PDB file of all heavy atoms in Angstrom:
ATOM      1  N   SER A   1       0.815  -1.208  -0.002  1.00  0.00           N
ATOM      2  CA  SER A   1      -0.001   0.002   0.003  1.00  0.00           C
ATOM      3  C   SER A   1       0.850   1.259   0.000  1.00  0.00           C
ATOM      4  O   SER A   1       0.374   2.349  -0.268  1.00  0.00           O
ATOM      5  CB  SER A   1      -0.922   0.012   1.225  1.00  0.00           C
ATOM      6  OG  SER A   1      -0.149  -0.028   2.411  1.00  0.00           O
ATOM      7  N   ALA A   2       2.151   1.102   0.326  1.00  0.00           N
ATOM      8  CA  ALA A   2       3.040   2.259   0.301  1.00  0.00           C
ATOM      9  C   ALA A   2       3.265   2.723  -1.123  1.00  0.00           C
ATOM     10  O   ALA A   2       3.346   1.930  -2.046  1.00  0.00           O
ATOM     11  CB  ALA A   2       4.370   1.894   0.957  1.00  0.00           C
ATOM     12  N   GLN A   3       3.378   4.003  -1.319  1.00  0.00           N
ATOM     13  CA  GLN A   3       3.587   4.534  -2.649  1.00  0.00           C
ATOM     14  C   GLN A   3       5.027   4.339  -3.097  1.00  0.00           C
ATOM     15  O   GLN A   3       5.942   4.211  -2.297  1.00  0.00           O
ATOM     16  CB  GLN A   3       3.269   6.037  -2.676  1.00  0.00           C
ATOM     17  CG  GLN A   3       1.768   6.330  -2.691  1.00  0.00           C
ATOM     18  CD  GLN A   3       1.524   7.782  -3.020  1.00  0.00           C
ATOM     19  OE1 GLN A   3       2.215   8.670  -2.533  1.00  0.00           O
ATOM     20  NE2 GLN A   3       0.552   8.028  -3.866  1.00  0.00           N
ATOM     21  N   HIS A   4       5.197   4.280  -4.399  1.00  0.00           N
ATOM     22  CA  HIS A   4       6.523   4.271  -4.984  1.00  0.00           C
ATOM     23  C   HIS A   4       7.222   5.578  -4.632  1.00  0.00           C
ATOM     24  O   HIS A   4       6.577   6.605  -4.406  1.00  0.00           O
ATOM     25  CB  HIS A   4       6.379   4.113  -6.508  1.00  0.00           C
ATOM     26  CG  HIS A   4       7.684   3.977  -7.221  1.00  0.00           C
ATOM     27  ND1 HIS A   4       8.284   5.028  -7.858  1.00  0.00           N
ATOM     28  CD2 HIS A   4       8.497   2.930  -7.366  1.00  0.00           C
ATOM     29  CE1 HIS A   4       9.423   4.624  -8.405  1.00  0.00           C
ATOM     30  NE2 HIS A   4       9.572   3.357  -8.121  1.00  0.00           N
ATOM     31  N   THR A   5       8.534   5.537  -4.562  1.00  0.00           N
ATOM     32  CA  THR A   5       9.275   6.720  -4.120  1.00  0.00           C
ATOM     33  C   THR A   5       9.029   7.923  -5.016  1.00  0.00           C
ATOM     34  O   THR A   5       9.177   9.061  -4.584  1.00  0.00           O
ATOM     35  CB  THR A   5      10.782   6.409  -4.096  1.00  0.00           C
ATOM     36  OG1 THR A   5      11.164   5.865  -5.362  1.00  0.00           O
ATOM     37  CG2 THR A   5      11.093   5.405  -3.008  1.00  0.00           C
ATOM     38  N   SER A   6       8.648   7.703  -6.250  1.00  0.00           N
ATOM     39  CA  SER A   6       8.368   8.819  -7.150  1.00  0.00           C
ATOM     40  C   SER A   6       6.944   9.308  -7.009  1.00  0.00           C
ATOM     41  O   SER A   6       6.541  10.241  -7.696  1.00  0.00           O
ATOM     42  CB  SER A   6       8.623   8.385  -8.595  1.00  0.00           C
ATOM     43  OG  SER A   6       7.688   7.387  -8.959  1.00  0.00           O
ATOM     44  N   GLY A   7       6.166   8.682  -6.130  1.00  0.00           N
ATOM     45  CA  GLY A   7       4.779   9.064  -5.965  1.00  0.00           C
ATOM     46  C   GLY A   7       3.869   8.351  -6.937  1.00  0.00           C
ATOM     47  O   GLY A   7       2.682   8.679  -7.032  1.00  0.00           O
ATOM     48  N   GLU A   8       4.379   7.388  -7.693  1.00  0.00           N
ATOM     49  CA  GLU A   8       3.590   6.672  -8.679  1.00  0.00           C
ATOM     50  C   GLU A   8       3.287   5.269  -8.197  1.00  0.00           C
ATOM     51  O   GLU A   8       4.019   4.693  -7.405  1.00  0.00           O
ATOM     52  CB  GLU A   8       4.362   6.592 -10.005  1.00  0.00           C
ATOM     53  CG  GLU A   8       4.687   7.960 -10.610  1.00  0.00           C
ATOM     54  CD  GLU A   8       5.543   7.831 -11.848  1.00  0.00           C
ATOM     55  OE1 GLU A   8       5.965   6.707 -12.149  1.00  0.00           O
ATOM     56  OE2 GLU A   8       5.796   8.852 -12.493  1.00  0.00           O
ATOM     57  N   HIS A   9       2.191   4.720  -8.712  1.00  0.00           N
ATOM     58  CA  HIS A   9       1.879   3.321  -8.507  1.00  0.00           C
ATOM     59  C   HIS A   9       2.222   2.569  -9.800  1.00  0.00           C
ATOM     60  O   HIS A   9       2.307   3.166 -10.873  1.00  0.00           O
ATOM     61  CB  HIS A   9       0.389   3.143  -8.176  1.00  0.00           C
ATOM     62  CG  HIS A   9       0.023   3.641  -6.824  1.00  0.00           C
ATOM     63  ND1 HIS A   9       0.327   2.958  -5.669  1.00  0.00           N
ATOM     64  CD2 HIS A   9      -0.637   4.763  -6.443  1.00  0.00           C
ATOM     65  CE1 HIS A   9      -0.126   3.625  -4.630  1.00  0.00           C
ATOM     66  NE2 HIS A   9      -0.712   4.741  -5.070  1.00  0.00           N
ATOM     67  N   HIS A  10       2.411   1.300  -9.680  1.00  0.00           N
ATOM     68  CA  HIS A  10       2.741   0.494 -10.855  1.00  0.00           C
ATOM     69  C   HIS A  10       1.611  -0.457 -11.190  1.00  0.00           C
ATOM     70  O   HIS A  10       0.846  -0.865 -10.314  1.00  0.00           O
ATOM     71  CB  HIS A  10       4.038  -0.298 -10.627  1.00  0.00           C
ATOM     72  CG  HIS A  10       5.244   0.571 -10.579  1.00  0.00           C
ATOM     73  ND1 HIS A  10       5.866   0.910  -9.393  1.00  0.00           N
ATOM     74  CD2 HIS A  10       5.934   1.191 -11.565  1.00  0.00           C
ATOM     75  CE1 HIS A  10       6.895   1.685  -9.655  1.00  0.00           C
ATOM     76  NE2 HIS A  10       6.956   1.880 -10.957  1.00  0.00           N
ATOM     77  N   TYR A  11       1.552  -0.793 -12.444  1.00  0.00           N
ATOM     78  CA  TYR A  11       0.551  -1.731 -12.944  1.00  0.00           C
ATOM     79  C   TYR A  11       1.233  -3.037 -13.293  1.00  0.00           C
ATOM     80  O   TYR A  11       2.181  -3.053 -14.085  1.00  0.00           O
ATOM     81  CB  TYR A  11      -0.130  -1.146 -14.189  1.00  0.00           C
ATOM     82  CG  TYR A  11      -1.195  -2.040 -14.779  1.00  0.00           C
ATOM     83  CD1 TYR A  11      -2.472  -2.092 -14.221  1.00  0.00           C
ATOM     84  CD2 TYR A  11      -0.912  -2.828 -15.887  1.00  0.00           C
ATOM     85  CE1 TYR A  11      -3.442  -2.916 -14.768  1.00  0.00           C
ATOM     86  CE2 TYR A  11      -1.881  -3.663 -16.436  1.00  0.00           C
ATOM     87  CZ  TYR A  11      -3.147  -3.691 -15.869  1.00  0.00           C
ATOM     88  OH  TYR A  11      -4.102  -4.516 -16.402  1.00  0.00           O
ATOM     89  N   PHE A  12       0.776  -4.122 -12.657  1.00  0.00           N
ATOM     90  CA  PHE A  12       1.380  -5.419 -12.942  1.00  0.00           C
ATOM     91  C   PHE A  12       0.861  -5.964 -14.271  1.00  0.00           C
ATOM     92  O   PHE A  12      -0.335  -5.882 -14.563  1.00  0.00           O
ATOM     93  CB  PHE A  12       1.018  -6.420 -11.847  1.00  0.00           C
ATOM     94  CG  PHE A  12       2.018  -6.489 -10.744  1.00  0.00           C
ATOM     95  CD1 PHE A  12       1.793  -5.848  -9.546  1.00  0.00           C
ATOM     96  CD2 PHE A  12       3.198  -7.201 -10.896  1.00  0.00           C
ATOM     97  CE1 PHE A  12       2.703  -5.907  -8.513  1.00  0.00           C
ATOM     98  CE2 PHE A  12       4.114  -7.276  -9.880  1.00  0.00           C
ATOM     99  CZ  PHE A  12       3.874  -6.630  -8.682  1.00  0.00           C
ATOM    100  N   ALA A  13       1.750  -6.536 -15.043  1.00  0.00           N
ATOM    101  CA  ALA A  13       1.382  -7.181 -16.292  1.00  0.00           C
ATOM    102  C   ALA A  13       2.382  -8.295 -16.582  1.00  0.00           C
ATOM    103  O   ALA A  13       3.577  -8.137 -16.356  1.00  0.00           O
ATOM    104  CB  ALA A  13       1.353  -6.181 -17.444  1.00  0.00           C
ATOM    105  N   GLY A  14       1.884  -9.387 -17.085  1.00  0.00           N
ATOM    106  CA  GLY A  14       2.770 -10.477 -17.486  1.00  0.00           C
ATOM    107  C   GLY A  14       3.112 -10.323 -18.952  1.00  0.00           C
ATOM    108  O   GLY A  14       2.228 -10.374 -19.820  1.00  0.00           O
ATOM    109  N   LEU A  15       4.369 -10.093 -19.246  1.00  0.00           N
ATOM    110  CA  LEU A  15       4.791  -9.854 -20.631  1.00  0.00           C
ATOM    111  C   LEU A  15       5.148 -11.172 -21.319  1.00  0.00           C
ATOM    112  O   LEU A  15       5.926 -11.963 -20.783  1.00  0.00           O
ATOM    113  CB  LEU A  15       6.005  -8.920 -20.660  1.00  0.00           C
ATOM    114  CG  LEU A  15       5.822  -7.527 -20.046  1.00  0.00           C
ATOM    115  CD1 LEU A  15       7.116  -6.734 -20.193  1.00  0.00           C
ATOM    116  CD2 LEU A  15       4.663  -6.790 -20.697  1.00  0.00           C
ATOM    117  N   ASP A  16       4.605 -11.359 -22.491  1.00  0.00           N
ATOM    118  CA  ASP A  16       4.994 -12.506 -23.319  1.00  0.00           C
ATOM    119  C   ASP A  16       6.147 -12.061 -24.203  1.00  0.00           C
ATOM    120  O   ASP A  16       5.950 -11.387 -25.218  1.00  0.00           O
ATOM    121  CB  ASP A  16       3.814 -12.980 -24.160  1.00  0.00           C
ATOM    122  CG  ASP A  16       4.174 -14.193 -25.019  1.00  0.00           C
ATOM    123  OD1 ASP A  16       5.320 -14.684 -24.918  1.00  0.00           O
ATOM    124  OD2 ASP A  16       3.309 -14.644 -25.803  1.00  0.00           O
ATOM    125  N   LEU A  17       7.365 -12.424 -23.808  1.00  0.00           N
ATOM    126  CA  LEU A  17       8.555 -11.992 -24.544  1.00  0.00           C
ATOM    127  C   LEU A  17       9.114 -13.075 -25.451  1.00  0.00           C
ATOM    128  O   LEU A  17      10.200 -12.919 -26.009  1.00  0.00           O
ATOM    129  CB  LEU A  17       9.634 -11.547 -23.551  1.00  0.00           C
ATOM    130  CG  LEU A  17       9.291 -10.324 -22.694  1.00  0.00           C
ATOM    131  CD1 LEU A  17      10.399 -10.055 -21.693  1.00  0.00           C
ATOM    132  CD2 LEU A  17       9.051  -9.098 -23.570  1.00  0.00           C
ATOM    133  N   THR A  18       8.380 -14.153 -25.621  1.00  0.00           N
ATOM    134  CA  THR A  18       8.864 -15.268 -26.419  1.00  0.00           C
ATOM    135  C   THR A  18       9.212 -14.833 -27.841  1.00  0.00           C
ATOM    136  O   THR A  18       8.361 -14.308 -28.578  1.00  0.00           O
ATOM    137  CB  THR A  18       7.820 -16.398 -26.490  1.00  0.00           C
ATOM    138  OG1 THR A  18       7.475 -16.784 -25.168  1.00  0.00           O
ATOM    139  CG2 THR A  18       8.364 -17.592 -27.256  1.00  0.00           C
ATOM    140  N   GLY A  19      10.482 -15.011 -28.227  1.00  0.00           N
ATOM    141  CA  GLY A  19      10.919 -14.674 -29.571  1.00  0.00           C
ATOM    142  C   GLY A  19      11.059 -13.183 -29.835  1.00  0.00           C
ATOM    143  O   GLY A  19      11.394 -12.784 -30.951  1.00  0.00           O
ATOM    144  N   ARG A  20      10.805 -12.363 -28.809  1.00  0.00           N
ATOM    145  CA  ARG A  20      10.859 -10.917 -29.012  1.00  0.00           C
ATOM    146  C   ARG A  20      12.203 -10.346 -28.541  1.00  0.00           C
ATOM    147  O   ARG A  20      12.797 -10.841 -27.592  1.00  0.00           O
ATOM    148  CB  ARG A  20       9.704 -10.243 -28.277  1.00  0.00           C
ATOM    149  CG  ARG A  20       8.340 -10.636 -28.869  1.00  0.00           C
ATOM    150  CD  ARG A  20       7.200  -9.867 -28.229  1.00  0.00           C
ATOM    151  NE  ARG A  20       5.980 -10.022 -29.003  1.00  0.00           N
ATOM    152  CZ  ARG A  20       5.026 -10.911 -28.728  1.00  0.00           C
ATOM    153  NH1 ARG A  20       5.154 -11.706 -27.691  1.00  0.00           N
ATOM    154  NH2 ARG A  20       3.951 -10.998 -29.488  1.00  0.00           N
ATOM    155  N   ARG A  21      12.614  -9.284 -29.211  1.00  0.00           N
ATOM    156  CA  ARG A  21      13.929  -8.700 -28.936  1.00  0.00           C
ATOM    157  C   ARG A  21      13.922  -7.915 -27.633  1.00  0.00           C
ATOM    158  O   ARG A  21      13.106  -7.018 -27.436  1.00  0.00           O
ATOM    159  CB  ARG A  21      14.353  -7.785 -30.090  1.00  0.00           C
ATOM    160  CG  ARG A  21      15.763  -7.212 -29.950  1.00  0.00           C
ATOM    161  CD  ARG A  21      16.181  -6.488 -31.222  1.00  0.00           C
ATOM    162  NE  ARG A  21      17.560  -6.036 -31.140  1.00  0.00           N
ATOM    163  CZ  ARG A  21      17.940  -4.762 -30.965  1.00  0.00           C
ATOM    164  NH1 ARG A  21      17.013  -3.814 -30.864  1.00  0.00           N
ATOM    165  NH2 ARG A  21      19.214  -4.437 -30.895  1.00  0.00           N
ATOM    166  N   VAL A  22      14.830  -8.281 -26.750  1.00  0.00           N
ATOM    167  CA  VAL A  22      15.037  -7.566 -25.498  1.00  0.00           C
ATOM    168  C   VAL A  22      16.483  -7.120 -25.461  1.00  0.00           C
ATOM    169  O   VAL A  22      17.398  -7.918 -25.680  1.00  0.00           O
ATOM    170  CB  VAL A  22      14.713  -8.458 -24.281  1.00  0.00           C
ATOM    171  CG1 VAL A  22      15.129  -7.760 -22.986  1.00  0.00           C
ATOM    172  CG2 VAL A  22      13.236  -8.807 -24.249  1.00  0.00           C
ATOM    173  N   VAL A  23      16.701  -5.838 -25.177  1.00  0.00           N
ATOM    174  CA  VAL A  23      18.058  -5.287 -25.165  1.00  0.00           C
ATOM    175  C   VAL A  23      18.477  -5.004 -23.735  1.00  0.00           C
ATOM    176  O   VAL A  23      17.753  -4.340 -22.973  1.00  0.00           O
ATOM    177  CB  VAL A  23      18.133  -3.996 -26.003  1.00  0.00           C
ATOM    178  CG1 VAL A  23      19.535  -3.372 -25.886  1.00  0.00           C
ATOM    179  CG2 VAL A  23      17.800  -4.290 -27.458  1.00  0.00           C
ATOM    180  N   VAL A  24      19.630  -5.510 -23.370  1.00  0.00           N
ATOM    181  CA  VAL A  24      20.211  -5.275 -22.053  1.00  0.00           C
ATOM    182  C   VAL A  24      21.512  -4.507 -22.270  1.00  0.00           C
ATOM    183  O   VAL A  24      22.441  -5.008 -22.917  1.00  0.00           O
ATOM    184  CB  VAL A  24      20.494  -6.598 -21.309  1.00  0.00           C
ATOM    185  CG1 VAL A  24      21.139  -6.316 -19.954  1.00  0.00           C
ATOM    186  CG2 VAL A  24      19.203  -7.381 -21.126  1.00  0.00           C
ATOM    187  N   VAL A  25      21.576  -3.301 -21.767  1.00  0.00           N
ATOM    188  CA  VAL A  25      22.781  -2.477 -21.910  1.00  0.00           C
ATOM    189  C   VAL A  25      23.570  -2.579 -20.611  1.00  0.00           C
ATOM    190  O   VAL A  25      23.116  -2.124 -19.551  1.00  0.00           O
ATOM    191  CB  VAL A  25      22.431  -1.019 -22.221  1.00  0.00           C
ATOM    192  CG1 VAL A  25      23.707  -0.182 -22.332  1.00  0.00           C
ATOM    193  CG2 VAL A  25      21.621  -0.924 -23.521  1.00  0.00           C
ATOM    194  N   GLY A  26      24.738  -3.191 -20.705  1.00  0.00           N
ATOM    195  CA  GLY A  26      25.558  -3.474 -19.528  1.00  0.00           C
ATOM    196  C   GLY A  26      25.613  -4.976 -19.320  1.00  0.00           C
ATOM    197  O   GLY A  26      24.638  -5.694 -19.585  1.00  0.00           O
ATOM    198  N   ALA A  27      26.762  -5.447 -18.882  1.00  0.00           N
ATOM    199  CA  ALA A  27      26.936  -6.901 -18.708  1.00  0.00           C
ATOM    200  C   ALA A  27      27.668  -7.198 -17.410  1.00  0.00           C
ATOM    201  O   ALA A  27      28.492  -8.102 -17.333  1.00  0.00           O
ATOM    202  CB  ALA A  27      27.694  -7.487 -19.895  1.00  0.00           C
ATOM    203  N   GLY A  28      27.350  -6.426 -16.383  1.00  0.00           N
ATOM    204  CA  GLY A  28      27.947  -6.640 -15.078  1.00  0.00           C
ATOM    205  C   GLY A  28      27.084  -7.505 -14.185  1.00  0.00           C
ATOM    206  O   GLY A  28      26.330  -8.356 -14.655  1.00  0.00           O
ATOM    207  N   GLY A  29      27.188  -7.242 -12.881  1.00  0.00           N
ATOM    208  CA  GLY A  29      26.468  -8.062 -11.920  1.00  0.00           C
ATOM    209  C   GLY A  29      24.969  -8.000 -12.052  1.00  0.00           C
ATOM    210  O   GLY A  29      24.269  -8.998 -11.855  1.00  0.00           O
ATOM    211  N   VAL A  30      24.418  -6.816 -12.376  1.00  0.00           N
ATOM    212  CA  VAL A  30      22.965  -6.695 -12.521  1.00  0.00           C
ATOM    213  C   VAL A  30      22.482  -7.526 -13.701  1.00  0.00           C
ATOM    214  O   VAL A  30      21.494  -8.265 -13.614  1.00  0.00           O
ATOM    215  CB  VAL A  30      22.548  -5.216 -12.698  1.00  0.00           C
ATOM    216  CG1 VAL A  30      21.050  -5.116 -12.980  1.00  0.00           C
ATOM    217  CG2 VAL A  30      22.908  -4.416 -11.465  1.00  0.00           C
ATOM    218  N   ALA A  31      23.173  -7.420 -14.827  1.00  0.00           N
ATOM    219  CA  ALA A  31      22.806  -8.216 -15.997  1.00  0.00           C
ATOM    220  C   ALA A  31      22.908  -9.703 -15.692  1.00  0.00           C
ATOM    221  O   ALA A  31      22.068 -10.513 -16.124  1.00  0.00           O
ATOM    222  CB  ALA A  31      23.697  -7.855 -17.179  1.00  0.00           C
ATOM    223  N   GLN A  32      23.934 -10.069 -14.957  1.00  0.00           N
ATOM    224  CA  GLN A  32      24.121 -11.473 -14.601  1.00  0.00           C
ATOM    225  C   GLN A  32      22.910 -12.011 -13.839  1.00  0.00           C
ATOM    226  O   GLN A  32      22.553 -13.182 -13.997  1.00  0.00           O
ATOM    227  CB  GLN A  32      25.386 -11.599 -13.748  1.00  0.00           C
ATOM    228  CG  GLN A  32      25.760 -13.021 -13.408  1.00  0.00           C
ATOM    229  CD  GLN A  32      27.112 -13.080 -12.713  1.00  0.00           C
ATOM    230  OE1 GLN A  32      28.008 -12.310 -13.007  1.00  0.00           O
ATOM    231  NE2 GLN A  32      27.250 -13.999 -11.772  1.00  0.00           N
ATOM    232  N   ARG A  33      22.256 -11.163 -13.035  1.00  0.00           N
ATOM    233  CA  ARG A  33      21.083 -11.586 -12.289  1.00  0.00           C
ATOM    234  C   ARG A  33      19.810 -11.563 -13.142  1.00  0.00           C
ATOM    235  O   ARG A  33      18.942 -12.409 -13.001  1.00  0.00           O
ATOM    236  CB  ARG A  33      20.875 -10.698 -11.065  1.00  0.00           C
ATOM    237  CG  ARG A  33      21.968 -10.818 -10.023  1.00  0.00           C
ATOM    238  CD  ARG A  33      21.533 -10.203  -8.703  1.00  0.00           C
ATOM    239  NE  ARG A  33      21.125  -8.810  -8.832  1.00  0.00           N
ATOM    240  CZ  ARG A  33      21.940  -7.787  -8.702  1.00  0.00           C
ATOM    241  NH1 ARG A  33      23.231  -7.992  -8.458  1.00  0.00           N
ATOM    242  NH2 ARG A  33      21.494  -6.542  -8.816  1.00  0.00           N
ATOM    243  N   ARG A  34      19.695 -10.569 -14.019  1.00  0.00           N
ATOM    244  CA  ARG A  34      18.451 -10.365 -14.750  1.00  0.00           C
ATOM    245  C   ARG A  34      18.329 -11.213 -16.013  1.00  0.00           C
ATOM    246  O   ARG A  34      17.229 -11.640 -16.384  1.00  0.00           O
ATOM    247  CB  ARG A  34      18.320  -8.885 -15.134  1.00  0.00           C
ATOM    248  CG  ARG A  34      18.344  -7.917 -13.953  1.00  0.00           C
ATOM    249  CD  ARG A  34      17.028  -7.915 -13.214  1.00  0.00           C
ATOM    250  NE  ARG A  34      17.107  -7.086 -12.014  1.00  0.00           N
ATOM    251  CZ  ARG A  34      16.974  -5.770 -11.975  1.00  0.00           C
ATOM    252  NH1 ARG A  34      16.767  -5.102 -13.102  1.00  0.00           N
ATOM    253  NH2 ARG A  34      17.054  -5.121 -10.831  1.00  0.00           N
ATOM    254  N   VAL A  35      19.437 -11.414 -16.702  1.00  0.00           N
ATOM    255  CA  VAL A  35      19.376 -12.084 -18.010  1.00  0.00           C
ATOM    256  C   VAL A  35      18.842 -13.515 -17.941  1.00  0.00           C
ATOM    257  O   VAL A  35      18.057 -13.916 -18.806  1.00  0.00           O
ATOM    258  CB  VAL A  35      20.761 -12.034 -18.699  1.00  0.00           C
ATOM    259  CG1 VAL A  35      20.819 -12.963 -19.908  1.00  0.00           C
ATOM    260  CG2 VAL A  35      21.088 -10.603 -19.113  1.00  0.00           C
ATOM    261  N   PRO A  36      19.240 -14.337 -16.965  1.00  0.00           N
ATOM    262  CA  PRO A  36      18.730 -15.714 -16.953  1.00  0.00           C
ATOM    263  C   PRO A  36      17.201 -15.812 -16.971  1.00  0.00           C
ATOM    264  O   PRO A  36      16.630 -16.676 -17.658  1.00  0.00           O
ATOM    265  CB  PRO A  36      19.303 -16.298 -15.665  1.00  0.00           C
ATOM    266  CG  PRO A  36      20.578 -15.536 -15.457  1.00  0.00           C
ATOM    267  CD  PRO A  36      20.259 -14.152 -15.905  1.00  0.00           C
ATOM    268  N   ARG A  37      16.504 -14.927 -16.256  1.00  0.00           N
ATOM    269  CA  ARG A  37      15.040 -14.991 -16.259  1.00  0.00           C
ATOM    270  C   ARG A  37      14.483 -14.564 -17.613  1.00  0.00           C
ATOM    271  O   ARG A  37      13.454 -15.074 -18.069  1.00  0.00           O
ATOM    272  CB  ARG A  37      14.470 -14.122 -15.140  1.00  0.00           C
ATOM    273  CG  ARG A  37      12.977 -14.363 -14.919  1.00  0.00           C
ATOM    274  CD  ARG A  37      12.484 -13.720 -13.651  1.00  0.00           C
ATOM    275  NE  ARG A  37      13.072 -14.331 -12.462  1.00  0.00           N
ATOM    276  CZ  ARG A  37      12.649 -15.465 -11.918  1.00  0.00           C
ATOM    277  NH1 ARG A  37      11.651 -16.129 -12.473  1.00  0.00           N
ATOM    278  NH2 ARG A  37      13.232 -15.944 -10.838  1.00  0.00           N
ATOM    279  N   LEU A  38      15.132 -13.606 -18.261  1.00  0.00           N
ATOM    280  CA  LEU A  38      14.701 -13.221 -19.616  1.00  0.00           C
ATOM    281  C   LEU A  38      14.886 -14.378 -20.584  1.00  0.00           C
ATOM    282  O   LEU A  38      14.030 -14.619 -21.445  1.00  0.00           O
ATOM    283  CB  LEU A  38      15.491 -11.994 -20.072  1.00  0.00           C
ATOM    284  CG  LEU A  38      15.196 -10.687 -19.330  1.00  0.00           C
ATOM    285  CD1 LEU A  38      16.221  -9.629 -19.704  1.00  0.00           C
ATOM    286  CD2 LEU A  38      13.786 -10.204 -19.634  1.00  0.00           C
ATOM    287  N   ILE A  39      16.006 -15.083 -20.450  1.00  0.00           N
ATOM    288  CA  ILE A  39      16.224 -16.264 -21.287  1.00  0.00           C
ATOM    289  C   ILE A  39      15.138 -17.295 -21.025  1.00  0.00           C
ATOM    290  O   ILE A  39      14.565 -17.885 -21.942  1.00  0.00           O
ATOM    291  CB  ILE A  39      17.616 -16.871 -21.011  1.00  0.00           C
ATOM    292  CG1 ILE A  39      18.719 -15.907 -21.440  1.00  0.00           C
ATOM    293  CG2 ILE A  39      17.770 -18.216 -21.726  1.00  0.00           C
ATOM    294  CD1 ILE A  39      20.111 -16.343 -21.029  1.00  0.00           C
ATOM    295  N   GLY A  40      14.842 -17.505 -19.725  1.00  0.00           N
ATOM    296  CA  GLY A  40      13.818 -18.468 -19.368  1.00  0.00           C
ATOM    297  C   GLY A  40      12.446 -18.112 -19.898  1.00  0.00           C
ATOM    298  O   GLY A  40      11.606 -18.984 -20.131  1.00  0.00           O
ATOM    299  N   ALA A  41      12.196 -16.802 -20.109  1.00  0.00           N
ATOM    300  CA  ALA A  41      10.923 -16.355 -20.643  1.00  0.00           C
ATOM    301  C   ALA A  41      10.864 -16.495 -22.171  1.00  0.00           C
ATOM    302  O   ALA A  41       9.831 -16.183 -22.774  1.00  0.00           O
ATOM    303  CB  ALA A  41      10.669 -14.903 -20.250  1.00  0.00           C
ATOM    304  N   GLY A  42      11.962 -16.945 -22.759  1.00  0.00           N
ATOM    305  CA  GLY A  42      11.977 -17.160 -24.209  1.00  0.00           C
ATOM    306  C   GLY A  42      12.350 -15.932 -25.017  1.00  0.00           C
ATOM    307  O   GLY A  42      12.208 -15.924 -26.249  1.00  0.00           O
ATOM    308  N   ALA A  43      12.811 -14.871 -24.349  1.00  0.00           N
ATOM    309  CA  ALA A  43      13.161 -13.643 -25.067  1.00  0.00           C
ATOM    310  C   ALA A  43      14.405 -13.831 -25.920  1.00  0.00           C
ATOM    311  O   ALA A  43      15.263 -14.668 -25.622  1.00  0.00           O
ATOM    312  CB  ALA A  43      13.386 -12.500 -24.069  1.00  0.00           C
TER     313      ALA A  43
END
């Protein structure tokens, strides 16, 4: 129920990224954590 720090709320949506182009700029520790789930989603 707490607001986002910018004062905005977010809308949840499940994205179908199968076969779709996803660009990740940077290949450090953050990318190392995020990319595997994108791969698992078929992106």
